[in-house]
Structures are given as structure tokens and as C-alpha cells.
Amino acid sequence: FYQAAFTSLGRPDSRAFYDRKRAEGKRHHQAVIALARRRVNVLWAILHKRQPFRENFKMAA
């Protein structure tokens, strides 16, 4: 999951999440691990709800 998160840094949404974590004072590895955890949460939600992944899905604020 770490490698997948690291690779996903080229995507704008992943980069924005990573940059937010860095701005919070997290080190590089901590920010990538946080991104990996976020990816795991998304994967769990997809499997749990049995819905396909929607890339442009926006959560309510």
C-alpha cells in the first residue's frame, strides 16, 4: 500500500492530500503512510458497500 500511495502522488487529489499532511508538519514518510491509509479506507468502503469506484465522487463537507 505504501508503494501504491507513493505512485499515486502524480494524481492531483493524492498530491493535494500529501501536501496538506506536509503542511501539518508531517515528514515525507508519515505523509505517504497517511495517504496509504486513506487509500485503504477507500478500498474498504468500495468492498463494504459493493459499489464501483467513482473517481470524481465528492463527499459532503
N, C-alpha and C. Protein backbone atom coordinates (compact mmCIF):
# COMPACT_ATOMS: atom_id res chain seq x y z
N PHE A 1 0.82 -1.19 0.00
CA PHE A 1 0.00 0.00 0.00
C PHE A 1 0.86 1.26 0.00
N TYR A 2 2.00 1.18 0.66
CA TYR A 2 2.92 2.32 0.68
C TYR A 2 3.38 2.64 -0.74
N GLN A 3 3.77 1.63 -1.50
CA GLN A 3 4.24 1.86 -2.87
C GLN A 3 3.13 2.40 -3.75
N ALA A 4 1.92 1.89 -3.58
CA ALA A 4 0.79 2.40 -4.35
C ALA A 4 0.52 3.86 -4.01
N ALA A 5 0.61 4.20 -2.74
CA ALA A 5 0.40 5.59 -2.33
C ALA A 5 1.49 6.48 -2.90
N PHE A 6 2.72 6.01 -2.86
CA PHE A 6 3.84 6.79 -3.40
C PHE A 6 3.65 7.03 -4.89
N THR A 7 3.22 6.00 -5.61
CA THR A 7 2.98 6.12 -7.04
C THR A 7 1.83 7.08 -7.33
N SER A 8 0.82 7.10 -6.45
CA SER A 8 -0.35 7.94 -6.69
C SER A 8 -0.07 9.42 -6.46
N LEU A 9 1.12 9.78 -6.02
CA LEU A 9 1.43 11.19 -5.81
C LEU A 9 1.38 12.01 -7.09
N GLY A 10 1.37 11.34 -8.23
CA GLY A 10 1.23 12.04 -9.50
C GLY A 10 -0.20 12.49 -9.79
N ARG A 11 -1.15 11.97 -9.02
CA ARG A 11 -2.55 12.36 -9.21
C ARG A 11 -2.85 13.61 -8.38
N PRO A 12 -3.61 14.54 -8.94
CA PRO A 12 -3.86 15.81 -8.23
C PRO A 12 -4.50 15.65 -6.85
N ASP A 13 -5.47 14.75 -6.71
CA ASP A 13 -6.13 14.60 -5.41
C ASP A 13 -5.19 14.01 -4.37
N SER A 14 -4.37 13.06 -4.78
CA SER A 14 -3.39 12.46 -3.86
C SER A 14 -2.32 13.47 -3.48
N ARG A 15 -1.87 14.25 -4.47
CA ARG A 15 -0.85 15.26 -4.21
C ARG A 15 -1.38 16.31 -3.24
N ALA A 16 -2.63 16.71 -3.40
CA ALA A 16 -3.22 17.71 -2.50
C ALA A 16 -3.28 17.17 -1.07
N PHE A 17 -3.67 15.90 -0.91
CA PHE A 17 -3.72 15.29 0.42
C PHE A 17 -2.32 15.24 1.02
N TYR A 18 -1.35 14.80 0.22
CA TYR A 18 0.04 14.72 0.67
C TYR A 18 0.55 16.10 1.09
N ASP A 19 0.29 17.11 0.26
CA ASP A 19 0.75 18.47 0.57
C ASP A 19 0.11 19.00 1.85
N ARG A 20 -1.17 18.66 2.08
CA ARG A 20 -1.83 19.07 3.33
C ARG A 20 -1.14 18.45 4.54
N LYS A 21 -0.81 17.17 4.42
CA LYS A 21 -0.13 16.50 5.53
C LYS A 21 1.25 17.09 5.77
N ARG A 22 1.96 17.43 4.71
CA ARG A 22 3.27 18.06 4.85
C ARG A 22 3.13 19.43 5.51
N ALA A 23 2.08 20.17 5.14
CA ALA A 23 1.84 21.48 5.74
C ALA A 23 1.50 21.36 7.23
N GLU A 24 0.94 20.23 7.62
CA GLU A 24 0.64 19.97 9.04
C GLU A 24 1.90 19.63 9.83
N GLY A 25 3.02 19.50 9.14
CA GLY A 25 4.27 19.22 9.82
C GLY A 25 4.72 17.77 9.76
N LYS A 26 3.99 16.94 9.01
CA LYS A 26 4.37 15.54 8.88
C LYS A 26 5.60 15.42 7.98
N ARG A 27 6.43 14.44 8.27
CA ARG A 27 7.58 14.16 7.41
C ARG A 27 7.09 13.41 6.17
N HIS A 28 7.98 13.29 5.17
CA HIS A 28 7.62 12.66 3.91
C HIS A 28 7.01 11.27 4.13
N HIS A 29 7.70 10.42 4.86
CA HIS A 29 7.22 9.05 5.05
C HIS A 29 5.89 9.02 5.82
N GLN A 30 5.74 9.91 6.78
CA GLN A 30 4.48 9.97 7.53
C GLN A 30 3.33 10.39 6.62
N ALA A 31 3.59 11.34 5.73
CA ALA A 31 2.55 11.81 4.81
C ALA A 31 2.17 10.71 3.81
N VAL A 32 3.15 9.96 3.33
CA VAL A 32 2.86 8.87 2.39
C VAL A 32 2.09 7.76 3.10
N ILE A 33 2.44 7.46 4.33
CA ILE A 33 1.71 6.44 5.10
C ILE A 33 0.27 6.90 5.34
N ALA A 34 0.07 8.18 5.62
CA ALA A 34 -1.29 8.71 5.79
C ALA A 34 -2.08 8.56 4.49
N LEU A 35 -1.43 8.80 3.37
CA LEU A 35 -2.08 8.64 2.07
C LEU A 35 -2.41 7.17 1.82
N ALA A 36 -1.51 6.27 2.19
CA ALA A 36 -1.78 4.84 2.04
C ALA A 36 -2.98 4.44 2.89
N ARG A 37 -3.05 4.96 4.10
CA ARG A 37 -4.19 4.66 4.98
C ARG A 37 -5.49 5.16 4.36
N ARG A 38 -5.44 6.33 3.75
CA ARG A 38 -6.63 6.87 3.09
C ARG A 38 -7.06 5.96 1.95
N ARG A 39 -6.09 5.46 1.19
CA ARG A 39 -6.40 4.54 0.09
C ARG A 39 -7.02 3.25 0.62
N VAL A 40 -6.53 2.75 1.73
CA VAL A 40 -7.09 1.54 2.33
C VAL A 40 -8.54 1.81 2.76
N ASN A 41 -8.80 2.98 3.32
CA ASN A 41 -10.16 3.32 3.73
C ASN A 41 -11.11 3.36 2.53
N VAL A 42 -10.64 3.91 1.42
CA VAL A 42 -11.45 3.95 0.19
C VAL A 42 -11.71 2.53 -0.30
N LEU A 43 -10.67 1.71 -0.32
CA LEU A 43 -10.83 0.32 -0.75
C LEU A 43 -11.84 -0.41 0.13
N TRP A 44 -11.75 -0.22 1.43
CA TRP A 44 -12.69 -0.87 2.35
C TRP A 44 -14.12 -0.41 2.07
N ALA A 45 -14.32 0.87 1.83
CA ALA A 45 -15.66 1.39 1.56
C ALA A 45 -16.22 0.80 0.27
N ILE A 46 -15.38 0.67 -0.75
CA ILE A 46 -15.81 0.09 -2.01
C ILE A 46 -16.25 -1.36 -1.80
N LEU A 47 -15.45 -2.13 -1.09
CA LEU A 47 -15.78 -3.53 -0.85
C LEU A 47 -17.00 -3.68 0.07
N HIS A 48 -17.06 -2.85 1.09
CA HIS A 48 -18.15 -2.93 2.07
C HIS A 48 -19.50 -2.55 1.45
N LYS A 49 -19.52 -1.49 0.65
CA LYS A 49 -20.77 -1.02 0.06
C LYS A 49 -21.09 -1.68 -1.27
N ARG A 50 -20.12 -2.45 -1.80
CA ARG A 50 -20.29 -3.15 -3.08
C ARG A 50 -20.68 -2.19 -4.19
N GLN A 51 -20.00 -1.06 -4.24
CA GLN A 51 -20.22 -0.08 -5.29
C GLN A 51 -18.92 0.12 -6.05
N PRO A 52 -19.01 0.41 -7.33
CA PRO A 52 -17.79 0.66 -8.10
C PRO A 52 -17.13 1.97 -7.68
N PHE A 53 -15.84 2.06 -7.92
CA PHE A 53 -15.09 3.27 -7.60
C PHE A 53 -15.50 4.38 -8.54
N ARG A 54 -15.79 5.55 -7.97
CA ARG A 54 -16.11 6.74 -8.77
C ARG A 54 -15.04 7.78 -8.49
N GLU A 55 -14.24 8.04 -9.49
CA GLU A 55 -13.08 8.92 -9.31
C GLU A 55 -13.46 10.33 -8.91
N ASN A 56 -14.53 10.86 -9.45
CA ASN A 56 -14.90 12.26 -9.21
C ASN A 56 -15.92 12.42 -8.09
N PHE A 57 -16.09 11.41 -7.25
CA PHE A 57 -17.03 11.48 -6.14
C PHE A 57 -16.55 12.50 -5.12
N LYS A 58 -17.44 13.39 -4.70
CA LYS A 58 -17.12 14.40 -3.69
C LYS A 58 -17.97 14.14 -2.46
N MET A 59 -17.31 14.07 -1.31
CA MET A 59 -18.03 13.86 -0.06
C MET A 59 -18.62 15.18 0.42
N ALA A 60 -19.69 15.08 1.17
CA ALA A 60 -20.30 16.28 1.75
C ALA A 60 -19.39 16.84 2.82
N ALA A 61 -19.35 18.14 2.91
CA ALA A 61 -18.46 18.80 3.88
C ALA A 61 -19.02 18.81 5.26
